[in-house]
Amino acid sequence: MKIDDDLLKEVHALLHPIRFRIVELLVEKPMHINEMSKVLGEERRLVSYHLLTLEEYGFLSSNYEISELPKSKGKAIRKYRVTEKLEEVISEFKRRL
């Protein structure tokens, strides 16, 4: 059973430990980078790098929202969420195993 190169690249991108943890968090709820950084215990720059990679592969999308949090109330913050592609890639990979 041959798995095509594109699917392998996508699965490989998901299996990086930090990206995997990011996806786990975002499956639960959309989050801002500062929230993720704090929960993961990782530097914001590192989280940003992995978010960019996940967005490039189409696993995440983001948009700006007005914050209701006390520290940033009224400011535009970027929230990330998983896309349907995440489940599609996981399902296709499982099917081909």
N, C-alpha and C. Protein backbone atom coordinates (compact mmCIF):
# COMPACT_ATOMS: atom_id res chain seq x y z
N MET A 1 0.85 -1.18 0.00
CA MET A 1 0.00 0.00 0.00
C MET A 1 0.90 1.25 0.00
N LYS A 2 0.85 2.00 -1.07
CA LYS A 2 1.74 3.17 -1.22
C LYS A 2 1.01 4.44 -0.77
N ILE A 3 1.67 5.19 0.08
CA ILE A 3 1.15 6.49 0.51
C ILE A 3 1.88 7.55 -0.30
N ASP A 4 1.11 8.44 -0.94
CA ASP A 4 1.77 9.44 -1.80
C ASP A 4 2.60 10.43 -0.99
N ASP A 5 3.55 11.04 -1.69
CA ASP A 5 4.51 11.94 -1.05
C ASP A 5 3.85 13.13 -0.37
N ASP A 6 2.82 13.70 -0.99
CA ASP A 6 2.15 14.85 -0.40
C ASP A 6 1.53 14.51 0.94
N LEU A 7 0.87 13.36 1.00
CA LEU A 7 0.25 12.94 2.26
C LEU A 7 1.32 12.70 3.33
N LEU A 8 2.42 12.10 2.96
CA LEU A 8 3.50 11.87 3.91
C LEU A 8 4.08 13.19 4.43
N LYS A 9 4.24 14.16 3.56
CA LYS A 9 4.75 15.47 3.99
C LYS A 9 3.78 16.13 4.97
N GLU A 10 2.49 16.03 4.67
CA GLU A 10 1.49 16.64 5.56
C GLU A 10 1.47 15.97 6.93
N VAL A 11 1.51 14.65 6.93
CA VAL A 11 1.51 13.92 8.20
C VAL A 11 2.79 14.22 8.97
N HIS A 12 3.90 14.28 8.27
CA HIS A 12 5.18 14.60 8.91
C HIS A 12 5.11 15.98 9.57
N ALA A 13 4.52 16.93 8.89
CA ALA A 13 4.38 18.29 9.46
C ALA A 13 3.56 18.25 10.74
N LEU A 14 2.53 17.43 10.77
CA LEU A 14 1.67 17.34 11.96
C LEU A 14 2.36 16.65 13.13
N LEU A 15 3.29 15.77 12.83
CA LEU A 15 3.89 14.95 13.89
C LEU A 15 5.04 15.62 14.64
N HIS A 16 5.42 16.80 14.25
CA HIS A 16 6.42 17.53 15.03
C HIS A 16 5.83 17.74 16.43
N PRO A 17 6.56 17.48 17.50
CA PRO A 17 5.99 17.54 18.85
C PRO A 17 5.29 18.86 19.19
N ILE A 18 5.87 19.98 18.85
CA ILE A 18 5.24 21.27 19.19
C ILE A 18 4.00 21.49 18.33
N ARG A 19 4.11 21.19 17.03
CA ARG A 19 2.94 21.38 16.16
C ARG A 19 1.81 20.46 16.58
N PHE A 20 2.14 19.24 16.96
CA PHE A 20 1.12 18.30 17.43
C PHE A 20 0.41 18.85 18.66
N ARG A 21 1.18 19.40 19.60
CA ARG A 21 0.59 19.97 20.81
C ARG A 21 -0.26 21.20 20.49
N ILE A 22 0.17 22.01 19.54
CA ILE A 22 -0.61 23.17 19.12
C ILE A 22 -1.95 22.72 18.55
N VAL A 23 -1.91 21.74 17.69
CA VAL A 23 -3.15 21.23 17.09
C VAL A 23 -4.08 20.67 18.17
N GLU A 24 -3.51 19.94 19.12
CA GLU A 24 -4.34 19.42 20.23
C GLU A 24 -5.06 20.54 20.96
N LEU A 25 -4.34 21.63 21.23
CA LEU A 25 -4.95 22.78 21.92
C LEU A 25 -6.06 23.39 21.08
N LEU A 26 -5.79 23.58 19.80
CA LEU A 26 -6.73 24.28 18.94
C LEU A 26 -7.95 23.45 18.56
N VAL A 27 -7.84 22.14 18.69
CA VAL A 27 -9.02 21.30 18.48
C VAL A 27 -10.06 21.61 19.56
N GLU A 28 -9.56 21.92 20.76
CA GLU A 28 -10.44 22.24 21.88
C GLU A 28 -11.15 23.58 21.70
N LYS A 29 -10.38 24.61 21.28
CA LYS A 29 -10.95 25.94 21.10
C LYS A 29 -9.96 26.84 20.37
N PRO A 30 -10.45 27.83 19.64
CA PRO A 30 -9.54 28.80 19.02
C PRO A 30 -8.76 29.55 20.10
N MET A 31 -7.52 29.89 19.78
CA MET A 31 -6.67 30.56 20.76
C MET A 31 -5.79 31.61 20.11
N HIS A 32 -5.35 32.54 20.92
CA HIS A 32 -4.38 33.57 20.56
C HIS A 32 -2.98 33.03 20.84
N ILE A 33 -1.99 33.49 20.14
CA ILE A 33 -0.63 32.98 20.29
C ILE A 33 -0.11 33.10 21.72
N ASN A 34 -0.45 34.18 22.42
CA ASN A 34 0.03 34.33 23.80
C ASN A 34 -0.55 33.25 24.71
N GLU A 35 -1.81 32.90 24.50
CA GLU A 35 -2.42 31.81 25.29
C GLU A 35 -1.70 30.50 25.04
N MET A 36 -1.46 30.22 23.76
CA MET A 36 -0.78 28.96 23.41
C MET A 36 0.62 28.92 23.99
N SER A 37 1.34 30.00 23.87
CA SER A 37 2.70 30.07 24.37
C SER A 37 2.74 29.78 25.87
N LYS A 38 1.81 30.36 26.59
CA LYS A 38 1.75 30.16 28.04
C LYS A 38 1.41 28.70 28.39
N VAL A 39 0.40 28.15 27.73
CA VAL A 39 -0.01 26.77 28.01
C VAL A 39 1.09 25.78 27.64
N LEU A 40 1.74 26.02 26.51
CA LEU A 40 2.78 25.10 26.03
C LEU A 40 4.11 25.28 26.78
N GLY A 41 4.28 26.44 27.40
CA GLY A 41 5.55 26.71 28.07
C GLY A 41 6.67 26.93 27.07
N GLU A 42 6.32 27.45 25.90
CA GLU A 42 7.30 27.69 24.84
C GLU A 42 7.35 29.18 24.52
N GLU A 43 8.47 29.64 23.98
CA GLU A 43 8.61 31.04 23.59
C GLU A 43 7.63 31.38 22.48
N ARG A 44 7.15 32.60 22.52
CA ARG A 44 6.19 33.08 21.53
C ARG A 44 6.74 32.96 20.11
N ARG A 45 8.02 33.27 19.92
CA ARG A 45 8.63 33.19 18.58
C ARG A 45 8.60 31.76 18.04
N LEU A 46 8.87 30.80 18.90
CA LEU A 46 8.86 29.40 18.48
C LEU A 46 7.44 28.96 18.11
N VAL A 47 6.48 29.34 18.93
CA VAL A 47 5.09 29.01 18.65
C VAL A 47 4.66 29.67 17.34
N SER A 48 5.06 30.90 17.12
CA SER A 48 4.74 31.62 15.90
C SER A 48 5.27 30.89 14.67
N TYR A 49 6.49 30.42 14.74
CA TYR A 49 7.10 29.68 13.64
C TYR A 49 6.25 28.45 13.29
N HIS A 50 5.85 27.69 14.30
CA HIS A 50 5.08 26.47 14.07
C HIS A 50 3.65 26.77 13.60
N LEU A 51 3.08 27.87 14.08
CA LEU A 51 1.76 28.28 13.59
C LEU A 51 1.82 28.61 12.10
N LEU A 52 2.87 29.30 11.70
CA LEU A 52 3.05 29.64 10.30
C LEU A 52 3.14 28.38 9.45
N THR A 53 3.91 27.42 9.90
CA THR A 53 4.04 26.16 9.17
C THR A 53 2.70 25.46 9.04
N LEU A 54 1.95 25.38 10.13
CA LEU A 54 0.64 24.73 10.10
C LEU A 54 -0.33 25.47 9.18
N GLU A 55 -0.25 26.79 9.15
CA GLU A 55 -1.09 27.57 8.24
C GLU A 55 -0.69 27.33 6.79
N GLU A 56 0.61 27.25 6.53
CA GLU A 56 1.08 27.01 5.17
C GLU A 56 0.59 25.67 4.63
N TYR A 57 0.50 24.68 5.48
CA TYR A 57 -0.01 23.37 5.08
C TYR A 57 -1.54 23.33 5.03
N GLY A 58 -2.19 24.38 5.51
CA GLY A 58 -3.64 24.44 5.46
C GLY A 58 -4.36 23.82 6.65
N PHE A 59 -3.60 23.47 7.71
CA PHE A 59 -4.21 22.85 8.88
C PHE A 59 -4.85 23.86 9.82
N LEU A 60 -4.42 25.11 9.72
CA LEU A 60 -4.95 26.18 10.57
C LEU A 60 -5.39 27.35 9.72
N SER A 61 -6.32 28.10 10.27
CA SER A 61 -6.66 29.40 9.71
C SER A 61 -6.65 30.38 10.87
N SER A 62 -6.59 31.65 10.54
CA SER A 62 -6.59 32.65 11.60
C SER A 62 -7.35 33.88 11.12
N ASN A 63 -7.84 34.62 12.09
CA ASN A 63 -8.46 35.90 11.78
C ASN A 63 -8.33 36.80 13.00
N TYR A 64 -8.51 38.08 12.76
CA TYR A 64 -8.40 39.05 13.84
C TYR A 64 -9.76 39.25 14.48
N GLU A 65 -9.76 39.31 15.81
CA GLU A 65 -10.97 39.56 16.58
C GLU A 65 -10.65 40.64 17.61
N ILE A 66 -11.67 41.31 18.07
CA ILE A 66 -11.49 42.31 19.12
C ILE A 66 -11.48 41.58 20.46
N SER A 67 -10.43 41.80 21.22
CA SER A 67 -10.24 41.10 22.49
C SER A 67 -11.19 41.62 23.56
N GLU A 68 -11.65 40.69 24.37
CA GLU A 68 -12.46 41.02 25.55
C GLU A 68 -11.66 40.78 26.83
N LEU A 69 -10.42 40.30 26.68
CA LEU A 69 -9.57 40.03 27.84
C LEU A 69 -9.18 41.34 28.51
N PRO A 70 -9.13 41.38 29.84
CA PRO A 70 -8.83 42.63 30.55
C PRO A 70 -7.56 43.33 30.10
N LYS A 71 -6.47 42.59 29.91
CA LYS A 71 -5.19 43.21 29.53
C LYS A 71 -5.19 43.79 28.12
N SER A 72 -5.99 43.21 27.24
CA SER A 72 -5.96 43.64 25.84
C SER A 72 -7.34 44.04 25.32
N LYS A 73 -8.23 44.39 26.22
CA LYS A 73 -9.61 44.71 25.84
C LYS A 73 -9.63 45.81 24.77
N GLY A 74 -10.38 45.52 23.70
CA GLY A 74 -10.54 46.48 22.62
C GLY A 74 -9.47 46.41 21.54
N LYS A 75 -8.43 45.61 21.76
CA LYS A 75 -7.37 45.47 20.76
C LYS A 75 -7.69 44.31 19.82
N ALA A 76 -7.19 44.41 18.61
CA ALA A 76 -7.34 43.33 17.64
C ALA A 76 -6.30 42.25 17.95
N ILE A 77 -6.76 41.03 18.13
CA ILE A 77 -5.85 39.90 18.37
C ILE A 77 -6.13 38.84 17.30
N ARG A 78 -5.10 38.10 16.97
CA ARG A 78 -5.22 37.05 15.95
C ARG A 78 -5.52 35.73 16.62
N LYS A 79 -6.64 35.13 16.27
CA LYS A 79 -7.02 33.83 16.83
C LYS A 79 -6.84 32.75 15.76
N TYR A 80 -6.32 31.63 16.21
CA TYR A 80 -6.07 30.49 15.33
C TYR A 80 -7.07 29.38 15.61
N ARG A 81 -7.43 28.66 14.56
CA ARG A 81 -8.34 27.52 14.69
C ARG A 81 -7.96 26.46 13.66
N VAL A 82 -8.33 25.22 13.92
CA VAL A 82 -8.04 24.15 12.97
C VAL A 82 -9.03 24.22 11.81
N THR A 83 -8.61 23.71 10.67
CA THR A 83 -9.46 23.65 9.48
C THR A 83 -9.94 22.21 9.27
N GLU A 84 -10.82 22.05 8.32
CA GLU A 84 -11.31 20.70 7.99
C GLU A 84 -10.20 19.82 7.44
N LYS A 85 -9.18 20.44 6.87
CA LYS A 85 -8.09 19.66 6.28
C LYS A 85 -7.42 18.76 7.31
N LEU A 86 -7.37 19.20 8.56
CA LEU A 86 -6.75 18.39 9.61
C LEU A 86 -7.40 17.01 9.67
N GLU A 87 -8.71 16.97 9.79
CA GLU A 87 -9.42 15.70 9.88
C GLU A 87 -9.31 14.91 8.58
N GLU A 88 -9.32 15.60 7.44
CA GLU A 88 -9.20 14.92 6.15
C GLU A 88 -7.87 14.19 6.03
N VAL A 89 -6.79 14.86 6.40
CA VAL A 89 -5.46 14.25 6.30
C VAL A 89 -5.32 13.08 7.28
N ILE A 90 -5.79 13.27 8.49
CA ILE A 90 -5.71 12.19 9.48
C ILE A 90 -6.52 10.97 9.02
N SER A 91 -7.72 11.22 8.53
CA SER A 91 -8.57 10.12 8.06
C SER A 91 -7.95 9.40 6.89
N GLU A 92 -7.41 10.16 5.94
CA GLU A 92 -6.79 9.55 4.75
C GLU A 92 -5.56 8.74 5.16
N PHE A 93 -4.78 9.23 6.07
CA PHE A 93 -3.61 8.50 6.52
C PHE A 93 -4.01 7.18 7.20
N LYS A 94 -5.00 7.25 8.07
CA LYS A 94 -5.48 6.04 8.76
C LYS A 94 -6.02 5.02 7.74
N ARG A 95 -6.74 5.52 6.74
CA ARG A 95 -7.33 4.65 5.73
C ARG A 95 -6.25 3.87 4.97
N ARG A 96 -5.12 4.54 4.75
CA ARG A 96 -4.07 3.93 3.94
C ARG A 96 -3.11 3.05 4.75
N LEU A 97 -3.24 3.04 6.05
CA LEU A 97 -2.34 2.19 6.86
C LEU A 97 -2.68 0.73 6.73
